[in-house]
Amino acid sequence: MFLQSQRELALGSRFKAVSESLYSVANAAYRAVGVTLDAHGFPVLRYLQVKGPAAVGDIATAIGQTHSAVSQNASKLQRGGWLVRRSDRGDGRRSVLALSTEGERHLQSLGPIWCAIRRGAQAAVKRSGGPLLDGLGKLEIELAGGNVLREILAEHARLSAAKPVIKPFRAEWREHFQSINAEWLERDFSIEDADRSVLSQPEKYVIEPGGAIVFALVDGEVIGTCALLKAAPGVYEVSKMCVATGWRGIGEDTLEIYDGLTIQIFAELLETHQSFPDFNIPPVIMDEIPRQLALFARRDLSFPVNGGEFLAQYTRFDGQEASGRRLIKYLWYPWVIDCSVRWLEFAEKKQLPKEQRVQVKRALGHLVVDLGDEALKRAQRDYTFFASEDLYGLAGIKSLGH
């Protein structure tokens, strides 16, 4: 079952499901012997039978349900003729619930079926392999005392502070390689036979042919995985790379992972809008652009440049199929300048908040005034590609009209 696969994470949902299953079994037993009682009403009726008339609030406290839940349940039982509402004999200003005469009579004959339900539940617990009721009682004490909440918050703080680590394949993590990938494949696509083979036998289809599988862990929890398929000597293809739901986008702002590429995309979107005014940039992106640009007011040219290595399949001159790798660097400096210039033009035209414009101007001034001379010197000694992009970014300053 799905909830079982979620283990302790779904403990509350599993208990709720077990509770509803027990209610369903009890109702089936009641119907089999001609009793019309809904098992959901048992706690209220049993309390009134044992303790006598009581206020809704007192019953709620005693049986561990909310006032609203008891009140709604009581209304159903009243419509069914099981109980009545009447004034409290000790305090005429409040009402209490009490068994109706008919309800009292019906309950008096339910001893055998209740005993049968208890014995059936007892046998089920015994077959389950342990004193479940004792454990449940301890859990109820933990929940009522706040220990569970305190432990949850402590664990959350620990997980939030932990950094992801990458570990090589272990046999005990094989199920995570399958489950994490199957989750997104089933949701967004479909699992094909080839996928099933790789996911169920990763050693055979990935590791033994010379590839590798790695896992991302946070405080011992497997949160992601990736396979490297050997394509040629020294060449690997990234495959089956996925992060478990609930763990995506944590730790760092994902827009800063390849910030050079991100800012370049922002700049291209702004340029497209300038050329085609009917082209609308999504509001969520427009809100993000100035926030990202403002971050560069604290950066110098020693900040590393992100890049990615890509595998490309191609046909050689002799007609043979081959593959090769290429490293692409995502330069941030020139594109922050270009994007800042374009965004400021847009912001002035649209009269966007002054605070945002000031922050972006401060970042742009830092890049040009504080770092411009160093950038020009770097352009003279760097690769032509790097130099041309740096000069491209600096050349865009003229569009500000300063």
Protein backbone atom coordinates (compact mmCIF):
# COMPACT_ATOMS: atom_id res chain seq x y z
CA MET A 1 0.00 0.00 0.00
CA PHE A 2 1.14 3.54 -0.69
CA LEU A 3 0.97 4.78 2.91
CA GLN A 4 3.04 1.84 4.08
CA SER A 5 5.77 2.87 1.64
CA GLN A 6 5.91 6.27 3.35
CA ARG A 7 6.79 4.56 6.65
CA GLU A 8 6.92 6.80 9.76
CA LEU A 9 6.12 9.89 7.69
CA ALA A 10 2.54 8.60 7.25
CA LEU A 11 2.07 7.25 10.77
CA GLY A 12 -0.89 9.53 11.50
CA SER A 13 -2.55 8.73 8.19
CA ARG A 14 -1.98 5.02 8.73
CA PHE A 15 -3.55 5.14 12.18
CA LYS A 16 -6.50 7.03 10.72
CA ALA A 17 -6.84 4.42 8.00
CA VAL A 18 -6.64 1.63 10.58
CA SER A 19 -9.27 3.42 12.66
CA GLU A 20 -11.65 3.70 9.71
CA SER A 21 -11.05 0.04 8.87
CA LEU A 22 -11.92 -0.96 12.44
CA TYR A 23 -15.08 1.15 12.30
CA SER A 24 -16.00 -0.54 9.03
CA VAL A 25 -15.46 -4.03 10.49
CA ALA A 26 -17.50 -3.13 13.59
CA ASN A 27 -20.35 -1.79 11.46
CA ALA A 28 -20.34 -4.95 9.39
CA ALA A 29 -20.53 -6.98 12.59
CA TYR A 30 -23.38 -4.83 13.89
CA ARG A 31 -25.34 -5.23 10.68
CA ALA A 32 -24.78 -8.98 10.71
CA VAL A 33 -26.58 -9.25 14.06
CA GLY A 34 -29.27 -6.68 13.28
CA VAL A 35 -27.86 -3.67 15.15
CA THR A 36 -28.27 -0.29 13.44
CA LEU A 37 -25.64 1.56 15.49
CA ASP A 38 -22.90 3.43 13.60
CA ALA A 39 -19.61 2.50 15.25
CA HIS A 40 -18.45 6.12 15.13
CA GLY A 41 -21.03 6.83 17.82
CA PHE A 42 -19.70 4.16 20.18
CA PRO A 43 -17.36 6.39 22.27
CA VAL A 44 -20.14 8.88 23.08
CA LEU A 45 -22.78 6.23 23.76
CA ARG A 46 -20.45 4.07 25.80
CA TYR A 47 -19.36 7.06 27.88
CA LEU A 48 -22.95 8.03 28.57
CA GLN A 49 -23.79 4.42 29.38
CA VAL A 50 -20.91 4.15 31.85
CA LYS A 51 -20.76 7.71 33.24
CA GLY A 52 -24.32 8.94 32.84
CA PRO A 53 -25.54 12.29 31.40
CA ALA A 54 -22.75 14.73 30.60
CA ALA A 55 -22.04 17.97 28.76
CA VAL A 56 -20.50 17.90 25.32
CA GLY A 57 -17.31 19.48 26.60
CA ASP A 58 -16.87 16.89 29.35
CA ILE A 59 -17.39 14.04 26.90
CA ALA A 60 -14.95 15.57 24.42
CA THR A 61 -12.26 15.81 27.09
CA ALA A 62 -12.86 12.27 28.31
CA ILE A 63 -12.76 10.54 24.93
CA GLY A 64 -10.08 12.72 23.34
CA GLN A 65 -12.17 14.29 20.58
CA THR A 66 -12.90 17.90 19.74
CA HIS A 67 -16.00 19.67 21.00
CA SER A 68 -17.16 20.11 17.41
CA ALA A 69 -16.71 16.41 16.59
CA VAL A 70 -18.66 15.29 19.64
CA SER A 71 -21.40 17.84 18.97
CA GLN A 72 -21.81 16.71 15.35
CA ASN A 73 -21.77 13.06 16.36
CA ALA A 74 -24.35 13.72 19.08
CA SER A 75 -26.66 15.39 16.58
CA LYS A 76 -26.57 12.28 14.39
CA LEU A 77 -27.20 10.02 17.38
CA GLN A 78 -30.08 12.23 18.48
CA ARG A 79 -31.68 12.01 15.03
CA GLY A 80 -31.26 8.25 15.24
CA GLY A 81 -33.09 8.10 18.55
CA TRP A 82 -30.09 6.97 20.60
CA LEU A 83 -29.83 9.98 22.90
CA VAL A 84 -31.56 13.19 23.95
CA ARG A 85 -30.51 16.65 25.07
CA ARG A 86 -31.91 18.00 28.29
CA SER A 87 -31.17 20.62 30.92
CA ASP A 88 -28.59 19.82 33.55
CA ARG A 89 -30.34 19.16 36.82
CA GLY A 90 -27.54 20.82 38.71
CA ASP A 91 -27.35 23.89 36.46
CA GLY A 92 -30.42 24.72 34.42
CA ARG A 93 -28.41 27.11 32.24
CA ARG A 94 -26.53 24.36 30.42
CA SER A 95 -27.63 21.27 28.55
CA VAL A 96 -26.35 17.73 28.80
CA LEU A 97 -26.55 14.63 26.67
CA ALA A 98 -28.27 11.52 27.95
CA LEU A 99 -29.26 8.15 26.56
CA SER A 100 -32.83 7.93 25.39
CA THR A 101 -35.01 5.18 26.77
CA GLU A 102 -34.78 3.38 23.44
CA GLY A 103 -31.02 3.91 23.34
CA GLU A 104 -30.58 2.55 26.83
CA ARG A 105 -32.53 -0.54 25.90
CA HIS A 106 -30.56 -1.17 22.73
CA LEU A 107 -27.21 -0.76 24.45
CA GLN A 108 -28.13 -3.19 27.17
CA SER A 109 -28.30 -5.99 24.59
CA LEU A 110 -25.02 -5.24 22.88
CA GLY A 111 -22.79 -7.07 25.36
CA PRO A 112 -22.33 -10.18 23.22
CA ILE A 113 -21.41 -8.31 20.05
CA TRP A 114 -19.10 -5.99 21.94
CA CYS A 115 -17.38 -8.98 23.49
CA ALA A 116 -17.08 -10.55 20.07
CA ILE A 117 -15.59 -7.37 18.62
CA ARG A 118 -13.12 -7.17 21.50
CA ARG A 119 -12.04 -10.78 21.03
CA GLY A 120 -11.70 -10.35 17.30
CA ALA A 121 -9.58 -7.26 17.76
CA GLN A 122 -7.55 -9.09 20.40
CA ALA A 123 -6.84 -11.95 18.01
CA ALA A 124 -5.87 -9.53 15.24
CA VAL A 125 -3.45 -7.73 17.55
CA LYS A 126 -1.94 -11.05 18.63
CA ARG A 127 -1.44 -12.10 15.02
CA SER A 128 0.20 -8.75 14.32
CA GLY A 129 3.07 -9.86 16.50
CA GLY A 130 3.11 -7.58 19.52
CA PRO A 131 1.29 -5.66 22.24
CA LEU A 132 0.02 -2.98 19.90
CA LEU A 133 -2.38 -1.52 22.46
CA ASP A 134 0.44 -1.06 24.98
CA GLY A 135 2.51 0.67 22.34
CA LEU A 136 -0.42 2.80 21.28
CA GLY A 137 -0.96 3.85 24.89
CA LYS A 138 2.65 4.93 25.20
CA LEU A 139 2.35 6.84 21.94
CA GLU A 140 -0.77 8.61 23.22
CA ILE A 141 1.18 9.67 26.33
CA GLU A 142 4.02 10.95 24.18
CA LEU A 143 1.62 12.94 22.00
CA ALA A 144 -0.29 14.39 24.96
CA GLY A 145 2.91 15.41 26.74
CA GLY A 146 4.32 17.27 23.75
CA ASN A 147 7.40 15.04 23.51
CA VAL A 148 6.71 14.09 19.92
CA LEU A 149 6.34 17.71 18.81
CA ARG A 150 9.55 18.71 20.56
CA GLU A 151 11.42 15.86 18.92
CA ILE A 152 9.99 16.73 15.50
CA LEU A 153 11.14 20.35 15.83
CA ALA A 154 14.59 19.26 17.01
CA GLU A 155 14.95 16.88 14.08
CA HIS A 156 13.80 19.57 11.67
CA ALA A 157 16.47 21.94 12.99
CA ARG A 158 19.09 19.23 12.60
CA LEU A 159 18.05 18.39 9.04
CA SER A 160 17.91 22.06 8.08
CA ALA A 161 21.48 22.55 9.28
CA ALA A 162 22.82 19.41 7.57
CA LYS A 163 24.55 19.67 4.21
CA PRO A 164 23.91 17.19 1.39
CA VAL A 165 26.68 14.64 0.88
CA ILE A 166 27.30 12.39 -2.12
CA LYS A 167 27.95 8.71 -1.52
CA PRO A 168 28.68 5.83 -3.92
CA PHE A 169 26.29 2.96 -4.48
CA ARG A 170 25.40 0.62 -1.64
CA ALA A 171 23.20 -2.43 -1.96
CA GLU A 172 20.99 -1.31 0.94
CA TRP A 173 20.17 1.89 -0.97
CA ARG A 174 19.08 0.05 -4.12
CA GLU A 175 15.39 0.49 -3.26
CA HIS A 176 15.85 4.27 -3.14
CA PHE A 177 17.32 4.28 -6.65
CA GLN A 178 14.18 2.52 -7.83
CA SER A 179 11.55 4.33 -5.75
CA ILE A 180 12.81 7.88 -6.27
CA ASN A 181 13.04 7.47 -10.03
CA ALA A 182 9.82 5.49 -10.35
CA GLU A 183 7.94 8.21 -8.50
CA TRP A 184 8.58 10.93 -11.05
CA LEU A 185 8.42 8.59 -14.04
CA GLU A 186 4.98 7.36 -13.04
CA ARG A 187 3.77 10.87 -12.31
CA ASP A 188 5.10 12.73 -15.34
CA PHE A 189 5.68 10.02 -17.94
CA SER A 190 5.41 6.24 -17.85
CA ILE A 191 7.78 3.48 -16.88
CA GLU A 192 8.94 1.52 -19.91
CA ASP A 193 10.44 -1.95 -19.89
CA ALA A 194 13.95 -0.53 -20.24
CA ASP A 195 13.37 1.67 -17.19
CA ARG A 196 12.12 -1.28 -15.15
CA SER A 197 15.23 -3.29 -16.01
CA VAL A 198 17.64 -0.53 -15.00
CA LEU A 199 15.75 0.42 -11.85
CA SER A 200 15.30 -3.14 -10.59
CA GLN A 201 18.80 -4.37 -11.52
CA PRO A 202 21.11 -1.33 -11.36
CA GLU A 203 24.23 -3.42 -10.74
CA LYS A 204 23.69 -5.38 -13.95
CA TYR A 205 22.77 -2.49 -16.24
CA VAL A 206 24.81 0.38 -14.77
CA ILE A 207 27.68 -0.67 -12.53
CA GLU A 208 28.91 -3.89 -14.15
CA PRO A 209 29.29 -2.28 -17.62
CA GLY A 210 31.62 0.30 -16.04
CA GLY A 211 29.16 2.97 -14.90
CA ALA A 212 28.37 4.28 -11.45
CA ILE A 213 25.46 5.22 -9.23
CA VAL A 214 25.66 7.90 -6.58
CA PHE A 215 23.27 9.00 -3.86
CA ALA A 216 22.64 12.33 -2.18
CA LEU A 217 22.08 12.09 1.57
CA VAL A 218 21.04 14.60 4.21
CA ASP A 219 21.74 13.48 7.76
CA GLY A 220 21.66 9.87 6.64
CA GLU A 221 18.43 10.21 4.62
CA VAL A 222 18.67 9.29 0.93
CA ILE A 223 17.10 12.23 -0.90
CA GLY A 224 18.40 11.85 -4.44
CA THR A 225 20.24 9.61 -6.84
CA CYS A 226 21.94 9.64 -10.23
CA ALA A 227 23.34 7.05 -12.62
CA LEU A 228 26.39 7.54 -14.84
CA LEU A 229 26.18 5.25 -17.86
CA LYS A 230 29.48 4.49 -19.53
CA ALA A 231 29.21 5.62 -23.16
CA ALA A 232 32.87 5.33 -24.15
CA PRO A 233 36.25 5.22 -22.41
CA GLY A 234 36.28 8.28 -20.16
CA VAL A 235 32.82 9.35 -21.33
CA TYR A 236 29.69 8.97 -19.20
CA GLU A 237 26.07 9.85 -19.80
CA VAL A 238 24.02 11.24 -16.93
CA SER A 239 20.86 9.19 -16.45
CA LYS A 240 18.16 8.55 -13.87
CA MET A 241 18.98 11.73 -11.98
CA CYS A 242 16.22 12.63 -9.57
CA VAL A 243 15.59 14.17 -6.16
CA ALA A 244 12.78 12.91 -3.96
CA THR A 245 9.69 15.07 -3.66
CA GLY A 246 9.87 17.29 -0.64
CA TRP A 247 13.63 17.73 -0.98
CA ARG A 248 13.82 19.67 -4.22
CA GLY A 249 15.11 23.22 -4.15
CA ILE A 250 16.35 23.12 -0.55
CA GLY A 251 19.64 24.27 0.90
CA GLU A 252 20.41 26.91 -1.72
CA ASP A 253 18.45 29.21 -3.94
CA THR A 254 18.20 27.13 -7.09
CA LEU A 255 18.38 30.26 -9.22
CA GLU A 256 21.96 30.75 -7.99
CA ILE A 257 23.23 27.29 -8.86
CA TYR A 258 24.00 28.45 -12.41
CA ASP A 259 23.55 32.15 -11.80
CA GLY A 260 25.42 33.12 -14.95
CA LEU A 261 22.97 31.14 -17.08
CA THR A 262 20.02 32.39 -15.04
CA ILE A 263 20.96 36.04 -15.50
CA GLN A 264 21.64 35.50 -19.20
CA ILE A 265 18.13 34.06 -19.59
CA PHE A 266 16.72 37.06 -17.73
CA ALA A 267 18.59 39.39 -20.07
CA GLU A 268 17.35 37.56 -23.17
CA LEU A 269 13.77 37.73 -21.90
CA LEU A 270 14.06 41.48 -21.33
CA GLU A 271 15.58 41.95 -24.80
CA THR A 272 12.73 39.97 -26.33
CA HIS A 273 10.21 42.17 -24.52
CA GLN A 274 11.96 45.28 -25.85
CA SER A 275 11.77 43.97 -29.41
CA PHE A 276 8.26 42.54 -29.09
CA PRO A 277 6.22 44.54 -26.55
CA ASP A 278 3.36 42.05 -26.77
CA PHE A 279 5.65 39.43 -25.29
CA ASN A 280 4.91 39.30 -21.56
CA ILE A 281 7.41 37.99 -19.05
CA PRO A 282 5.68 35.98 -16.29
CA PRO A 283 5.22 38.10 -13.13
CA VAL A 284 7.06 35.58 -10.96
CA ILE A 285 10.17 36.04 -13.13
CA MET A 286 9.84 39.82 -13.22
CA ASP A 287 9.71 39.85 -9.42
CA GLU A 288 12.80 37.66 -9.22
CA ILE A 289 15.02 39.64 -11.61
CA PRO A 290 15.73 42.67 -9.37
CA ARG A 291 16.18 40.45 -6.32
CA GLN A 292 18.81 38.39 -8.10
CA LEU A 293 20.59 41.42 -9.57
CA ALA A 294 20.85 43.10 -6.18
CA LEU A 295 22.84 40.13 -4.84
CA PHE A 296 25.79 41.01 -7.11
CA ALA A 297 26.50 44.24 -5.22
CA ARG A 298 28.59 42.13 -2.82
CA ARG A 299 30.51 40.05 -5.37
CA ASP A 300 34.02 40.47 -6.78
CA LEU A 301 35.68 38.95 -9.83
CA SER A 302 37.27 36.16 -7.80
CA PHE A 303 33.85 34.56 -7.43
CA PRO A 304 33.96 31.23 -9.30
CA VAL A 305 32.26 30.78 -12.63
CA ASN A 306 29.77 27.92 -12.82
CA GLY A 307 29.80 25.52 -15.69
CA GLY A 308 28.51 22.23 -16.90
CA GLU A 309 29.95 19.39 -18.90
CA PHE A 310 27.70 18.09 -21.63
CA LEU A 311 27.77 14.89 -23.62
CA ALA A 312 27.00 15.22 -27.32
CA GLN A 313 26.36 12.45 -29.83
CA TYR A 314 27.63 13.15 -33.37
CA THR A 315 28.62 11.49 -36.66
CA ARG A 316 32.30 11.56 -37.51
CA PHE A 317 33.76 12.39 -40.93
CA ASP A 318 34.03 8.68 -41.69
CA GLY A 319 30.35 8.06 -40.93
CA GLN A 320 30.95 6.45 -37.55
CA GLU A 321 28.80 7.43 -34.60
CA ALA A 322 30.72 8.94 -31.71
CA SER A 323 30.23 11.02 -28.59
CA GLY A 324 32.19 13.80 -27.01
CA ARG A 325 32.21 16.11 -24.02
CA ARG A 326 32.20 19.86 -23.93
CA LEU A 327 32.58 22.15 -20.95
CA ILE A 328 30.44 25.28 -21.05
CA LYS A 329 31.08 28.14 -18.63
CA TYR A 330 28.23 30.43 -17.60
CA LEU A 331 29.89 33.80 -17.14
CA TRP A 332 28.03 35.97 -14.67
CA TYR A 333 29.86 39.33 -14.89
CA PRO A 334 28.92 40.50 -18.42
CA TRP A 335 25.38 39.22 -18.21
CA VAL A 336 24.65 40.91 -14.90
CA ILE A 337 25.66 44.21 -16.49
CA ASP A 338 23.58 43.56 -19.60
CA CYS A 339 20.57 42.39 -17.59
CA SER A 340 20.83 45.34 -15.16
CA VAL A 341 20.87 47.86 -18.01
CA ARG A 342 17.84 46.28 -19.67
CA TRP A 343 15.91 45.92 -16.41
CA LEU A 344 16.59 49.54 -15.39
CA GLU A 345 15.27 50.75 -18.73
CA PHE A 346 12.15 48.63 -18.19
CA ALA A 347 11.82 49.77 -14.55
CA GLU A 348 12.08 53.46 -15.45
CA LYS A 349 9.44 53.07 -18.12
CA LYS A 350 7.08 51.15 -15.84
CA GLN A 351 7.97 53.23 -12.78
CA LEU A 352 8.70 50.17 -10.69
CA PRO A 353 9.45 50.67 -6.96
CA LYS A 354 12.30 53.12 -6.38
CA GLU A 355 13.91 50.87 -3.78
CA GLN A 356 14.33 48.11 -6.36
CA ARG A 357 15.83 50.51 -8.88
CA VAL A 358 18.30 51.84 -6.30
CA GLN A 359 19.41 48.34 -5.35
CA VAL A 360 20.01 47.33 -8.97
CA LYS A 361 21.84 50.61 -9.72
CA ARG A 362 24.05 49.99 -6.70
CA ALA A 363 24.93 46.54 -7.99
CA LEU A 364 25.56 47.85 -11.50
CA GLY A 365 27.75 50.66 -10.16
CA HIS A 366 29.81 48.17 -8.19
CA LEU A 367 30.36 45.97 -11.25
CA VAL A 368 31.30 48.85 -13.55
CA VAL A 369 33.00 51.42 -11.31
CA ASP A 370 34.60 49.17 -8.71
CA LEU A 371 35.38 46.17 -10.90
CA GLY A 372 35.50 47.65 -14.43
CA ASP A 373 39.25 48.32 -14.58
CA GLU A 374 40.05 44.85 -13.28
CA ALA A 375 37.61 43.35 -15.78
CA LEU A 376 39.35 45.15 -18.67
CA LYS A 377 42.75 43.88 -17.55
CA ARG A 378 41.35 40.37 -17.23
CA ALA A 379 39.94 40.61 -20.76
CA GLN A 380 43.47 41.16 -22.12
CA ARG A 381 44.80 37.90 -20.67
CA ASP A 382 41.75 35.61 -20.72
CA TYR A 383 40.45 33.36 -23.44
CA THR A 384 38.94 35.24 -26.35
CA PHE A 385 35.52 33.93 -25.48
CA PHE A 386 35.71 35.26 -21.92
CA ALA A 387 37.17 38.58 -23.05
CA SER A 388 34.55 39.15 -25.73
CA GLU A 389 31.69 38.56 -23.30
CA ASP A 390 33.19 40.86 -20.67
CA LEU A 391 33.62 43.61 -23.25
CA TYR A 392 30.09 42.99 -24.53
CA GLY A 393 28.72 43.56 -21.05
CA LEU A 394 30.73 46.73 -20.43
CA ALA A 395 29.78 48.12 -23.86
CA GLY A 396 26.12 48.01 -22.86
CA ILE A 397 26.57 50.81 -20.33
CA LYS A 398 26.15 53.42 -23.04
CA SER A 399 22.46 52.55 -23.29
CA LEU A 400 21.93 54.16 -19.89
CA GLY A 401 22.80 57.54 -21.34
CA HIS A 402 25.50 58.32 -18.76
